[in-house]
Amino acid sequence: MKWHWLPAALCLGLSPLLYASDDVSARDWLERMSHALETLNYEGTFVAVHEGSLEAMHLVHMVDQGKQKERLLSLNGAAREVVRDDERVICYWTDSRSVLVDKRGSQRTFPRVLPSEFSGLTGHYELRMGKEGRITGRLAVEVGIEPVDRYRYGYRLWLARDNALPLKSEMIDENGKPVEQIMFTSLEVYASTDDAKLKPSTDGSGFTWIHNDKSVMADDAGTPHWRPERVPPGFEMVAHDRQRLASTGKVVEHMVFSDGLASFSVYVEALGGTDGMDGISRMGAVTAFGRTIGDYQITVVGEVPEATVALVGNAIVPTGAHSP
């Protein structure tokens, strides 16, 4: 099973000026940010770093009649480009001359996907206002999202004072260290949509086009064949399906758990004689835990600490709806 991660972030110094006003709460600022990300037209370049790797990306985000569209282009490293809307994601991989088309809804690139409503987080996170400073020449307000336990990461966000767009983001691990950091080096907001900016710069002629169609199985698709006997406090299953992958014919059971901010996925598939993965692996903020049960591979992966994926992975059992 292969995993793809978006690049993480670059944190540059912020010279504090003063504490942000208490007239507007941290939750108000976060909700303003979420609204801005969904409704504004903007274009910019951001730099990202994780585990010492730095990457520059160019982002275009447009909204047309409430529908979001986005184009993301790598500026260094392997040449790749992503174009997405509410119905599909198209990934151009220039080096391998291939294009992957995936039928998935649009998701924000920066910052990582955050909820549009934050009132439900108070049981597992503390929201706080930080200091004001300047990022990319703009006055910015710092907002902190701090977990109350070791099973989820925290965030530090610097939001533009004028429109609440995030100028800088840090994801903080259980030891208080940033594991993922992003900062815009340039950012422009437009009054209207410009579809020309969404046109891919990559010519996919002659490329191999791969359509990642997944057939959801109708038979007892709503009944999990596997489940974790325990999960960290606050996490609930928010999605489940069983899919037969067109590329391999394998059936994969997929569950998604979320606390409203953090989330992780559980994948279960038959090994079919191939070697399984056991133990912890990590890339930036993304942590994976693998375990084999009989001829089945259990994988738990998400932007959560090792303690979370290990706890869940070791608690996976068959439900009785299916025998391993």
C-alpha atoms as a PDB file:
ATOM      1  CA  MET A   1       0.000   0.000   0.000  1.00  0.00           C
ATOM      2  CA  LYS A   2       1.481   3.311  -1.070  1.00  0.00           C
ATOM      3  CA  TRP A   3       0.925   6.599   0.637  1.00  0.00           C
ATOM      4  CA  HIS A   4       1.283  10.106  -0.780  1.00  0.00           C
ATOM      5  CA  TRP A   5       1.810  13.096   1.412  1.00  0.00           C
ATOM      6  CA  LEU A   6       1.484  16.753   0.573  1.00  0.00           C
ATOM      7  CA  PRO A   7       4.648  18.680   1.374  1.00  0.00           C
ATOM      8  CA  ALA A   8       4.836  20.112   4.848  1.00  0.00           C
ATOM      9  CA  ALA A   9       5.918  23.576   5.821  1.00  0.00           C
ATOM     10  CA  LEU A  10       8.557  26.193   6.356  1.00  0.00           C
ATOM     11  CA  CYS A  11       8.575  28.282   9.511  1.00  0.00           C
ATOM     12  CA  LEU A  12      10.375  31.615   9.321  1.00  0.00           C
ATOM     13  CA  GLY A  13      10.879  33.914  12.242  1.00  0.00           C
ATOM     14  CA  LEU A  14       8.041  36.103  13.452  1.00  0.00           C
ATOM     15  CA  SER A  15       8.818  39.275  15.346  1.00  0.00           C
ATOM     16  CA  PRO A  16       6.024  39.753  17.867  1.00  0.00           C
ATOM     17  CA  LEU A  17       4.509  43.226  18.119  1.00  0.00           C
ATOM     18  CA  LEU A  18       1.684  42.902  20.648  1.00  0.00           C
ATOM     19  CA  TYR A  19      -0.889  40.477  21.919  1.00  0.00           C
ATOM     20  CA  ALA A  20      -3.973  40.082  19.758  1.00  0.00           C
ATOM     21  CA  SER A  21      -7.139  41.784  20.951  1.00  0.00           C
ATOM     22  CA  ASP A  22      -9.473  39.756  23.136  1.00  0.00           C
ATOM     23  CA  ASP A  23     -12.457  41.424  21.423  1.00  0.00           C
ATOM     24  CA  VAL A  24     -12.449  38.587  18.888  1.00  0.00           C
ATOM     25  CA  SER A  25     -12.013  35.070  20.272  1.00  0.00           C
ATOM     26  CA  ALA A  26      -9.744  32.368  18.884  1.00  0.00           C
ATOM     27  CA  ARG A  27     -12.795  30.447  17.692  1.00  0.00           C
ATOM     28  CA  ASP A  28     -14.077  33.532  15.851  1.00  0.00           C
ATOM     29  CA  TRP A  29     -10.747  33.893  14.055  1.00  0.00           C
ATOM     30  CA  LEU A  30     -10.693  30.215  13.072  1.00  0.00           C
ATOM     31  CA  GLU A  31     -14.217  30.370  11.716  1.00  0.00           C
ATOM     32  CA  ARG A  32     -13.304  33.512   9.757  1.00  0.00           C
ATOM     33  CA  MET A  33     -10.299  31.637   8.351  1.00  0.00           C
ATOM     34  CA  SER A  34     -12.414  28.680   7.265  1.00  0.00           C
ATOM     35  CA  HIS A  35     -14.901  30.994   5.549  1.00  0.00           C
ATOM     36  CA  ALA A  36     -12.093  32.886   3.786  1.00  0.00           C
ATOM     37  CA  LEU A  37     -10.495  29.687   2.504  1.00  0.00           C
ATOM     38  CA  GLU A  38     -13.798  28.542   1.028  1.00  0.00           C
ATOM     39  CA  THR A  39     -15.011  31.810  -0.488  1.00  0.00           C
ATOM     40  CA  LEU A  40     -12.021  33.933  -1.568  1.00  0.00           C
ATOM     41  CA  ASN A  41     -10.093  33.806  -4.841  1.00  0.00           C
ATOM     42  CA  TYR A  42      -6.369  33.790  -4.117  1.00  0.00           C
ATOM     43  CA  GLU A  43      -3.006  32.895  -5.615  1.00  0.00           C
ATOM     44  CA  GLY A  44       0.379  32.553  -3.979  1.00  0.00           C
ATOM     45  CA  THR A  45       3.632  30.717  -3.466  1.00  0.00           C
ATOM     46  CA  PHE A  46       4.376  28.876  -0.242  1.00  0.00           C
ATOM     47  CA  VAL A  47       7.397  27.029   1.049  1.00  0.00           C
ATOM     48  CA  ALA A  48       7.108  23.837   3.029  1.00  0.00           C
ATOM     49  CA  VAL A  49       9.499  21.756   5.099  1.00  0.00           C
ATOM     50  CA  HIS A  50       9.412  18.528   7.042  1.00  0.00           C
ATOM     51  CA  GLU A  51      12.261  16.336   8.214  1.00  0.00           C
ATOM     52  CA  GLY A  52      14.742  18.784   6.697  1.00  0.00           C
ATOM     53  CA  SER A  53      13.191  18.639   3.231  1.00  0.00           C
ATOM     54  CA  LEU A  54      12.155  21.983   1.723  1.00  0.00           C
ATOM     55  CA  GLU A  55       9.706  22.361  -1.127  1.00  0.00           C
ATOM     56  CA  ALA A  56       8.218  25.348  -2.939  1.00  0.00           C
ATOM     57  CA  MET A  57       4.700  25.220  -4.364  1.00  0.00           C
ATOM     58  CA  HIS A  58       2.500  27.609  -6.345  1.00  0.00           C
ATOM     59  CA  LEU A  59      -1.209  27.584  -5.473  1.00  0.00           C
ATOM     60  CA  VAL A  60      -4.250  29.002  -7.271  1.00  0.00           C
ATOM     61  CA  HIS A  61      -7.676  28.808  -5.592  1.00  0.00           C
ATOM     62  CA  MET A  62     -10.852  30.040  -7.276  1.00  0.00           C
ATOM     63  CA  VAL A  63     -14.546  29.896  -6.359  1.00  0.00           C
ATOM     64  CA  ASP A  64     -17.228  29.898  -9.046  1.00  0.00           C
ATOM     65  CA  GLN A  65     -20.869  29.888  -7.903  1.00  0.00           C
ATOM     66  CA  GLY A  66     -19.909  28.293  -4.618  1.00  0.00           C
ATOM     67  CA  LYS A  67     -17.776  25.563  -6.197  1.00  0.00           C
ATOM     68  CA  GLN A  68     -14.074  25.495  -5.345  1.00  0.00           C
ATOM     69  CA  LYS A  69     -11.347  24.842  -7.899  1.00  0.00           C
ATOM     70  CA  GLU A  70      -7.621  24.634  -7.294  1.00  0.00           C
ATOM     71  CA  ARG A  71      -4.306  24.200  -9.084  1.00  0.00           C
ATOM     72  CA  LEU A  72      -1.073  23.273  -7.304  1.00  0.00           C
ATOM     73  CA  LEU A  73       2.312  23.279  -9.058  1.00  0.00           C
ATOM     74  CA  SER A  74       5.656  22.127  -7.658  1.00  0.00           C
ATOM     75  CA  LEU A  75       8.489  24.616  -8.172  1.00  0.00           C
ATOM     76  CA  ASN A  76      11.387  22.363  -7.170  1.00  0.00           C
ATOM     77  CA  GLY A  77      12.099  18.663  -6.879  1.00  0.00           C
ATOM     78  CA  ALA A  78      10.049  16.190  -8.905  1.00  0.00           C
ATOM     79  CA  ALA A  79       7.856  17.979 -11.453  1.00  0.00           C
ATOM     80  CA  ARG A  80       4.178  17.501 -10.663  1.00  0.00           C
ATOM     81  CA  GLU A  81       0.930  19.409 -10.894  1.00  0.00           C
ATOM     82  CA  VAL A  82      -2.473  18.869  -9.287  1.00  0.00           C
ATOM     83  CA  VAL A  83      -5.789  20.254 -10.525  1.00  0.00           C
ATOM     84  CA  ARG A  84      -8.868  19.626  -8.415  1.00  0.00           C
ATOM     85  CA  ASP A  85     -12.515  20.569  -8.142  1.00  0.00           C
ATOM     86  CA  ASP A  86     -15.538  19.266  -6.244  1.00  0.00           C
ATOM     87  CA  GLU A  87     -15.731  16.118  -8.374  1.00  0.00           C
ATOM     88  CA  ARG A  88     -12.227  14.916  -9.134  1.00  0.00           C
ATOM     89  CA  VAL A  89      -8.497  15.342  -8.664  1.00  0.00           C
ATOM     90  CA  ILE A  90      -6.066  15.141 -11.600  1.00  0.00           C
ATOM     91  CA  CYS A  91      -2.365  14.621 -10.800  1.00  0.00           C
ATOM     92  CA  TYR A  92       0.261  15.137 -13.512  1.00  0.00           C
ATOM     93  CA  TRP A  93       3.603  13.366 -12.913  1.00  0.00           C
ATOM     94  CA  THR A  94       5.975  14.723 -15.540  1.00  0.00           C
ATOM     95  CA  ASP A  95       8.980  12.533 -14.711  1.00  0.00           C
ATOM     96  CA  SER A  96       7.012   9.298 -15.182  1.00  0.00           C
ATOM     97  CA  ARG A  97       4.830  10.805 -17.934  1.00  0.00           C
ATOM     98  CA  SER A  98       1.677   9.678 -16.168  1.00  0.00           C
ATOM     99  CA  VAL A  99      -1.611  11.243 -15.073  1.00  0.00           C
ATOM    100  CA  LEU A 100      -3.733   9.945 -12.195  1.00  0.00           C
ATOM    101  CA  VAL A 101      -7.447  10.799 -12.187  1.00  0.00           C
ATOM    102  CA  ASP A 102      -9.240  10.223  -8.907  1.00  0.00           C
ATOM    103  CA  LYS A 103     -12.935  10.792  -8.223  1.00  0.00           C
ATOM    104  CA  ARG A 104     -12.743  12.648  -4.939  1.00  0.00           C
ATOM    105  CA  GLY A 105     -14.202  15.881  -3.665  1.00  0.00           C
ATOM    106  CA  SER A 106     -12.144  19.038  -3.381  1.00  0.00           C
ATOM    107  CA  GLN A 107      -9.991  19.490  -0.283  1.00  0.00           C
ATOM    108  CA  ARG A 108      -8.027  22.521   0.783  1.00  0.00           C
ATOM    109  CA  THR A 109      -4.289  22.382   0.251  1.00  0.00           C
ATOM    110  CA  PHE A 110      -3.237  24.985   2.805  1.00  0.00           C
ATOM    111  CA  PRO A 111      -3.596  24.640   5.665  1.00  0.00           C
ATOM    112  CA  ARG A 112      -4.373  21.002   6.152  1.00  0.00           C
ATOM    113  CA  VAL A 113      -8.093  20.364   6.119  1.00  0.00           C
ATOM    114  CA  LEU A 114      -9.641  22.057   9.149  1.00  0.00           C
ATOM    115  CA  PRO A 115     -13.317  22.046  10.133  1.00  0.00           C
ATOM    116  CA  SER A 116     -15.620  24.927   9.269  1.00  0.00           C
ATOM    117  CA  GLU A 117     -17.073  24.962  12.789  1.00  0.00           C
ATOM    118  CA  PHE A 118     -14.876  24.720  15.890  1.00  0.00           C
ATOM    119  CA  SER A 119     -17.269  24.618  18.866  1.00  0.00           C
ATOM    120  CA  GLY A 120     -17.132  20.811  19.061  1.00  0.00           C
ATOM    121  CA  LEU A 121     -13.371  20.757  19.654  1.00  0.00           C
ATOM    122  CA  THR A 122     -13.365  22.211  23.162  1.00  0.00           C
ATOM    123  CA  GLY A 123     -13.462  18.833  24.905  1.00  0.00           C
ATOM    124  CA  HIS A 124     -10.170  17.747  23.370  1.00  0.00           C
ATOM    125  CA  TYR A 125      -8.428  21.012  22.437  1.00  0.00           C
ATOM    126  CA  GLU A 126      -7.865  24.406  23.987  1.00  0.00           C
ATOM    127  CA  LEU A 127      -8.079  27.452  21.710  1.00  0.00           C
ATOM    128  CA  ARG A 128      -6.018  30.527  22.518  1.00  0.00           C
ATOM    129  CA  MET A 129      -5.024  33.867  21.059  1.00  0.00           C
ATOM    130  CA  GLY A 130      -1.318  34.570  20.622  1.00  0.00           C
ATOM    131  CA  LYS A 131       0.663  37.603  19.539  1.00  0.00           C
ATOM    132  CA  GLU A 132       0.426  39.803  16.495  1.00  0.00           C
ATOM    133  CA  GLY A 133       3.321  40.129  14.075  1.00  0.00           C
ATOM    134  CA  ARG A 134       4.190  40.448  10.411  1.00  0.00           C
ATOM    135  CA  ILE A 135       4.245  37.598   7.893  1.00  0.00           C
ATOM    136  CA  THR A 136       5.025  38.219   4.211  1.00  0.00           C
ATOM    137  CA  GLY A 137       4.681  41.939   4.862  1.00  0.00           C
ATOM    138  CA  ARG A 138       1.180  41.577   6.313  1.00  0.00           C
ATOM    139  CA  LEU A 139      -0.083  42.089   9.843  1.00  0.00           C
ATOM    140  CA  ALA A 140      -0.966  38.654  11.228  1.00  0.00           C
ATOM    141  CA  VAL A 141      -2.781  37.280  14.278  1.00  0.00           C
ATOM    142  CA  GLU A 142      -1.544  34.093  15.970  1.00  0.00           C
ATOM    143  CA  VAL A 143      -4.109  31.456  16.981  1.00  0.00           C
ATOM    144  CA  GLY A 144      -3.227  28.273  18.866  1.00  0.00           C
ATOM    145  CA  ILE A 145      -5.089  24.943  18.909  1.00  0.00           C
ATOM    146  CA  GLU A 146      -3.620  22.894  21.769  1.00  0.00           C
ATOM    147  CA  PRO A 147      -4.555  19.238  22.448  1.00  0.00           C
ATOM    148  CA  VAL A 148      -5.374  18.169  25.995  1.00  0.00           C
ATOM    149  CA  ASP A 149      -3.769  14.713  25.616  1.00  0.00           C
ATOM    150  CA  ARG A 150      -1.037  12.894  23.678  1.00  0.00           C
ATOM    151  CA  TYR A 151      -3.319  11.381  21.037  1.00  0.00           C
ATOM    152  CA  ARG A 152      -3.531  14.374  18.679  1.00  0.00           C
ATOM    153  CA  TYR A 153      -1.337  17.124  17.292  1.00  0.00           C
ATOM    154  CA  GLY A 154      -1.719  20.839  17.905  1.00  0.00           C
ATOM    155  CA  TYR A 155      -1.629  23.783  15.523  1.00  0.00           C
ATOM    156  CA  ARG A 156      -0.258  27.302  15.476  1.00  0.00           C
ATOM    157  CA  LEU A 157      -1.746  29.487  12.762  1.00  0.00           C
ATOM    158  CA  TRP A 158      -0.924  33.045  11.735  1.00  0.00           C
ATOM    159  CA  LEU A 159      -3.943  34.620  10.024  1.00  0.00           C
ATOM    160  CA  ALA A 160      -3.956  37.792   7.946  1.00  0.00           C
ATOM    161  CA  ARG A 161      -5.455  40.618   9.985  1.00  0.00           C
ATOM    162  CA  ASP A 162      -7.495  41.927   7.044  1.00  0.00           C
ATOM    163  CA  ASN A 163      -9.081  38.759   5.622  1.00  0.00           C
ATOM    164  CA  ALA A 164      -8.126  35.854   7.987  1.00  0.00           C
ATOM    165  CA  LEU A 165      -6.336  33.842   5.284  1.00  0.00           C
ATOM    166  CA  PRO A 166      -3.613  31.666   6.857  1.00  0.00           C
ATOM    167  CA  LEU A 167      -0.170  33.061   6.084  1.00  0.00           C
ATOM    168  CA  LYS A 168       1.749  30.526   8.127  1.00  0.00           C
ATOM    169  CA  SER A 169       0.969  27.206   9.798  1.00  0.00           C
ATOM    170  CA  GLU A 170       2.720  24.851  12.185  1.00  0.00           C
ATOM    171  CA  MET A 171       1.597  21.399  13.250  1.00  0.00           C
ATOM    172  CA  ILE A 172       2.970  20.649  16.724  1.00  0.00           C
ATOM    173  CA  ASP A 173       3.729  17.148  18.010  1.00  0.00           C
ATOM    174  CA  GLU A 174       3.234  15.726  21.484  1.00  0.00           C
ATOM    175  CA  ASN A 175       6.675  17.029  22.511  1.00  0.00           C
ATOM    176  CA  GLY A 176       5.864  20.607  21.523  1.00  0.00           C
ATOM    177  CA  LYS A 177       8.025  20.502  18.389  1.00  0.00           C
ATOM    178  CA  PRO A 178       6.836  21.412  14.876  1.00  0.00           C
ATOM    179  CA  VAL A 179       6.573  18.370  12.623  1.00  0.00           C
ATOM    180  CA  GLU A 180       5.077  20.244   9.706  1.00  0.00           C
ATOM    181  CA  GLN A 181       5.381  23.910   8.783  1.00  0.00           C
ATOM    182  CA  ILE A 182       4.086  26.021   5.886  1.00  0.00           C
ATOM    183  CA  MET A 183       4.468  29.710   5.038  1.00  0.00           C
ATOM    184  CA  PHE A 184       3.347  31.819   2.119  1.00  0.00           C
ATOM    185  CA  THR A 185       6.109  33.938   0.602  1.00  0.00           C
ATOM    186  CA  SER A 186       3.633  35.752  -1.649  1.00  0.00           C
ATOM    187  CA  LEU A 187      -0.154  35.917  -1.636  1.00  0.00           C
ATOM    188  CA  GLU A 188      -2.647  37.877  -3.729  1.00  0.00           C
ATOM    189  CA  VAL A 189      -6.441  38.003  -3.392  1.00  0.00           C
ATOM    190  CA  TYR A 190      -8.653  38.608  -6.448  1.00  0.00           C
ATOM    191  CA  ALA A 191     -12.124  40.104  -6.603  1.00  0.00           C
ATOM    192  CA  SER A 192     -13.299  37.718  -9.334  1.00  0.00           C
ATOM    193  CA  THR A 193     -12.583  34.265 -10.720  1.00  0.00           C
ATOM    194  CA  ASP A 194     -10.000  33.842 -13.483  1.00  0.00           C
ATOM    195  CA  ASP A 195     -10.391  30.381 -15.044  1.00  0.00           C
ATOM    196  CA  ALA A 196      -7.236  30.861 -17.117  1.00  0.00           C
ATOM    197  CA  LYS A 197      -5.171  30.571 -13.933  1.00  0.00           C
ATOM    198  CA  LEU A 198      -6.651  27.099 -13.326  1.00  0.00           C
ATOM    199  CA  LYS A 199      -5.536  25.672 -16.666  1.00  0.00           C
ATOM    200  CA  PRO A 200      -2.796  23.068 -16.118  1.00  0.00           C
ATOM    201  CA  SER A 201       0.615  24.058 -17.406  1.00  0.00           C
ATOM    202  CA  THR A 202       1.473  20.403 -18.036  1.00  0.00           C
ATOM    203  CA  ASP A 203       0.626  18.981 -21.450  1.00  0.00           C
ATOM    204  CA  GLY A 204      -0.618  15.457 -20.777  1.00  0.00           C
ATOM    205  CA  SER A 205      -0.482  14.417 -24.434  1.00  0.00           C
ATOM    206  CA  GLY A 206       1.339  11.117 -24.741  1.00  0.00           C
ATOM    207  CA  PHE A 207       1.155  10.502 -20.989  1.00  0.00           C
ATOM    208  CA  THR A 208      -0.300   7.319 -19.506  1.00  0.00           C
ATOM    209  CA  TRP A 209      -3.684   8.171 -17.979  1.00  0.00           C
ATOM    210  CA  ILE A 210      -4.690   6.121 -14.949  1.00  0.00           C
ATOM    211  CA  HIS A 211      -8.283   6.335 -13.735  1.00  0.00           C
ATOM    212  CA  ASN A 212      -8.372   5.339 -10.096  1.00  0.00           C
ATOM    213  CA  ASP A 213     -11.931   4.023 -10.171  1.00  0.00           C
ATOM    214  CA  LYS A 214     -12.949   2.153  -7.052  1.00  0.00           C
ATOM    215  CA  SER A 215     -15.997  -0.070  -7.046  1.00  0.00           C
ATOM    216  CA  VAL A 216     -17.838   0.100  -3.725  1.00  0.00           C
ATOM    217  CA  MET A 217     -19.195  -3.341  -2.934  1.00  0.00           C
ATOM    218  CA  ALA A 218     -22.935  -3.425  -2.356  1.00  0.00           C
ATOM    219  CA  ASP A 219     -23.063  -6.595  -0.268  1.00  0.00           C
ATOM    220  CA  ASP A 220     -23.157  -5.668   3.446  1.00  0.00           C
ATOM    221  CA  ALA A 221     -20.993  -2.608   2.686  1.00  0.00           C
ATOM    222  CA  GLY A 222     -22.427  -0.892   5.739  1.00  0.00           C
ATOM    223  CA  THR A 223     -21.363  -3.651   8.138  1.00  0.00           C
ATOM    224  CA  PRO A 224     -17.689  -3.441   9.125  1.00  0.00           C
ATOM    225  CA  HIS A 225     -15.893  -6.780   9.001  1.00  0.00           C
ATOM    226  CA  TRP A 226     -13.213  -5.369  11.295  1.00  0.00           C
ATOM    227  CA  ARG A 227     -13.256  -2.795  14.072  1.00  0.00           C
ATOM    228  CA  PRO A 228     -10.983  -1.368  16.777  1.00  0.00           C
ATOM    229  CA  GLU A 229     -11.997  -2.439  20.277  1.00  0.00           C
ATOM    230  CA  ARG A 230     -10.834   0.945  21.526  1.00  0.00           C
ATOM    231  CA  VAL A 231      -9.876   4.350  20.144  1.00  0.00           C
ATOM    232  CA  PRO A 232      -8.566   7.491  21.886  1.00  0.00           C
ATOM    233  CA  PRO A 233     -11.209   9.663  23.595  1.00  0.00           C
ATOM    234  CA  GLY A 234     -13.252  11.785  21.218  1.00  0.00           C
ATOM    235  CA  PHE A 235     -12.614   9.802  18.028  1.00  0.00           C
ATOM    236  CA  GLU A 236     -15.641   8.370  16.231  1.00  0.00           C
ATOM    237  CA  MET A 237     -16.034   6.494  12.953  1.00  0.00           C
ATOM    238  CA  VAL A 238     -17.254   8.991  10.344  1.00  0.00           C
ATOM    239  CA  ALA A 239     -16.900   6.910   7.156  1.00  0.00           C
ATOM    240  CA  HIS A 240     -16.720   3.263   6.127  1.00  0.00           C
ATOM    241  CA  ASP A 241     -16.719   1.314   2.882  1.00  0.00           C
ATOM    242  CA  ARG A 242     -15.391  -1.816   1.239  1.00  0.00           C
ATOM    243  CA  GLN A 243     -13.899  -1.310  -2.206  1.00  0.00           C
ATOM    244  CA  ARG A 244     -12.701  -3.585  -4.954  1.00  0.00           C
ATOM    245  CA  LEU A 245      -9.770  -1.814  -6.574  1.00  0.00           C
ATOM    246  CA  ALA A 246      -9.988  -1.886 -10.352  1.00  0.00           C
ATOM    247  CA  SER A 247      -6.196  -1.906 -10.651  1.00  0.00           C
ATOM    248  CA  THR A 248      -5.591  -5.039  -8.554  1.00  0.00           C
ATOM    249  CA  GLY A 249      -8.985  -6.647  -7.958  1.00  0.00           C
ATOM    250  CA  LYS A 250      -8.253  -6.646  -4.224  1.00  0.00           C
ATOM    251  CA  VAL A 251     -10.963  -5.859  -1.704  1.00  0.00           C
ATOM    252  CA  VAL A 252      -9.964  -3.174   0.803  1.00  0.00           C
ATOM    253  CA  GLU A 253     -12.016  -2.277   3.853  1.00  0.00           C
ATOM    254  CA  HIS A 254     -11.595   1.375   4.808  1.00  0.00           C
ATOM    255  CA  MET A 255     -12.688   3.183   7.973  1.00  0.00           C
ATOM    256  CA  VAL A 256     -12.143   6.847   8.881  1.00  0.00           C
ATOM    257  CA  PHE A 257     -12.158   8.097  12.477  1.00  0.00           C
ATOM    258  CA  SER A 258     -12.174  11.763  13.502  1.00  0.00           C
ATOM    259  CA  ASP A 259     -12.441  13.943  16.589  1.00  0.00           C
ATOM    260  CA  GLY A 260     -13.601  16.885  14.469  1.00  0.00           C
ATOM    261  CA  LEU A 261     -10.055  18.056  13.706  1.00  0.00           C
ATOM    262  CA  ALA A 262      -7.610  15.146  13.705  1.00  0.00           C
ATOM    263  CA  SER A 263      -8.391  12.004  11.737  1.00  0.00           C
ATOM    264  CA  PHE A 264      -6.902   8.634  10.886  1.00  0.00           C
ATOM    265  CA  SER A 265      -7.797   5.837   8.483  1.00  0.00           C
ATOM    266  CA  VAL A 266      -7.848   2.084   9.014  1.00  0.00           C
ATOM    267  CA  TYR A 267      -7.250  -0.160   5.988  1.00  0.00           C
ATOM    268  CA  VAL A 268      -7.679  -3.938   5.969  1.00  0.00           C
ATOM    269  CA  GLU A 269      -6.790  -6.083   2.971  1.00  0.00           C
ATOM    270  CA  ALA A 270      -5.813  -9.679   2.267  1.00  0.00           C
ATOM    271  CA  LEU A 271      -2.087 -10.134   1.741  1.00  0.00           C
ATOM    272  CA  GLY A 272      -2.499 -12.814  -0.890  1.00  0.00           C
ATOM    273  CA  GLY A 273       0.948 -14.243  -0.248  1.00  0.00           C
ATOM    274  CA  THR A 274       2.771 -10.902  -0.237  1.00  0.00           C
ATOM    275  CA  ASP A 275       4.844  -9.629   2.671  1.00  0.00           C
ATOM    276  CA  GLY A 276       3.079  -7.467   5.214  1.00  0.00           C
ATOM    277  CA  MET A 277       4.190  -4.351   7.079  1.00  0.00           C
ATOM    278  CA  ASP A 278       4.677  -4.413  10.825  1.00  0.00           C
ATOM    279  CA  GLY A 279       5.497  -1.561  13.169  1.00  0.00           C
ATOM    280  CA  ILE A 280       5.654   2.221  12.978  1.00  0.00           C
ATOM    281  CA  SER A 281       6.728   4.393  10.051  1.00  0.00           C
ATOM    282  CA  ARG A 282       6.597   8.166   9.794  1.00  0.00           C
ATOM    283  CA  MET A 283       6.979  10.928   7.230  1.00  0.00           C
ATOM    284  CA  GLY A 284       6.520  14.430   8.526  1.00  0.00           C
ATOM    285  CA  ALA A 285       3.206  14.659  10.357  1.00  0.00           C
ATOM    286  CA  VAL A 286       1.883  11.421   8.863  1.00  0.00           C
ATOM    287  CA  THR A 287       2.320   8.308  10.988  1.00  0.00           C
ATOM    288  CA  ALA A 288       1.495   4.752   9.939  1.00  0.00           C
ATOM    289  CA  PHE A 289       1.243   1.538  11.951  1.00  0.00           C
ATOM    290  CA  GLY A 290       1.189  -1.885  10.308  1.00  0.00           C
ATOM    291  CA  ARG A 291       0.206  -5.249  11.733  1.00  0.00           C
ATOM    292  CA  THR A 292      -0.649  -8.623  10.222  1.00  0.00           C
ATOM    293  CA  ILE A 293      -3.450 -10.849  11.474  1.00  0.00           C
ATOM    294  CA  GLY A 294      -3.389 -14.189   9.716  1.00  0.00           C
ATOM    295  CA  ASP A 295      -3.349 -13.405   6.006  1.00  0.00           C
ATOM    296  CA  TYR A 296      -4.605  -9.839   6.506  1.00  0.00           C
ATOM    297  CA  GLN A 297      -2.704  -6.573   6.555  1.00  0.00           C
ATOM    298  CA  ILE A 298      -3.943  -3.970   9.032  1.00  0.00           C
ATOM    299  CA  THR A 299      -2.726  -0.412   8.408  1.00  0.00           C
ATOM    300  CA  VAL A 300      -3.597   2.650  10.481  1.00  0.00           C
ATOM    301  CA  VAL A 301      -2.428   5.974   9.040  1.00  0.00           C
ATOM    302  CA  GLY A 302      -3.070   9.627   9.782  1.00  0.00           C
ATOM    303  CA  GLU A 303      -1.710  12.960  10.935  1.00  0.00           C
ATOM    304  CA  VAL A 304      -1.675  11.813  14.535  1.00  0.00           C
ATOM    305  CA  PRO A 305       1.041  10.765  17.019  1.00  0.00           C
ATOM    306  CA  GLU A 306       2.525   7.275  17.173  1.00  0.00           C
ATOM    307  CA  ALA A 307       0.568   6.545  20.360  1.00  0.00           C
ATOM    308  CA  THR A 308      -2.700   6.910  18.448  1.00  0.00           C
ATOM    309  CA  VAL A 309      -1.994   4.624  15.488  1.00  0.00           C
ATOM    310  CA  ALA A 310      -0.352   2.022  17.745  1.00  0.00           C
ATOM    311  CA  LEU A 311      -3.294   1.972  20.160  1.00  0.00           C
ATOM    312  CA  VAL A 312      -5.809   1.567  17.342  1.00  0.00           C
ATOM    313  CA  GLY A 313      -3.747  -0.866  15.286  1.00  0.00           C
ATOM    314  CA  ASN A 314      -3.260  -3.212  18.215  1.00  0.00           C
ATOM    315  CA  ALA A 315      -6.992  -3.085  18.971  1.00  0.00           C
ATOM    316  CA  ILE A 316      -8.288  -4.168  15.536  1.00  0.00           C
ATOM    317  CA  VAL A 317     -10.347  -7.378  15.643  1.00  0.00           C
ATOM    318  CA  PRO A 318     -12.784  -9.130  13.265  1.00  0.00           C
ATOM    319  CA  THR A 319     -16.418  -8.337  14.030  1.00  0.00           C
ATOM    320  CA  GLY A 320     -17.859 -11.752  13.278  1.00  0.00           C
ATOM    321  CA  ALA A 321     -19.475 -10.480  10.082  1.00  0.00           C
ATOM    322  CA  HIS A 322     -16.429 -11.924   8.358  1.00  0.00           C
ATOM    323  CA  SER A 323     -13.888 -14.496   9.490  1.00  0.00           C
ATOM    324  CA  PRO A 324     -10.206 -13.877   8.709  1.00  0.00           C
END
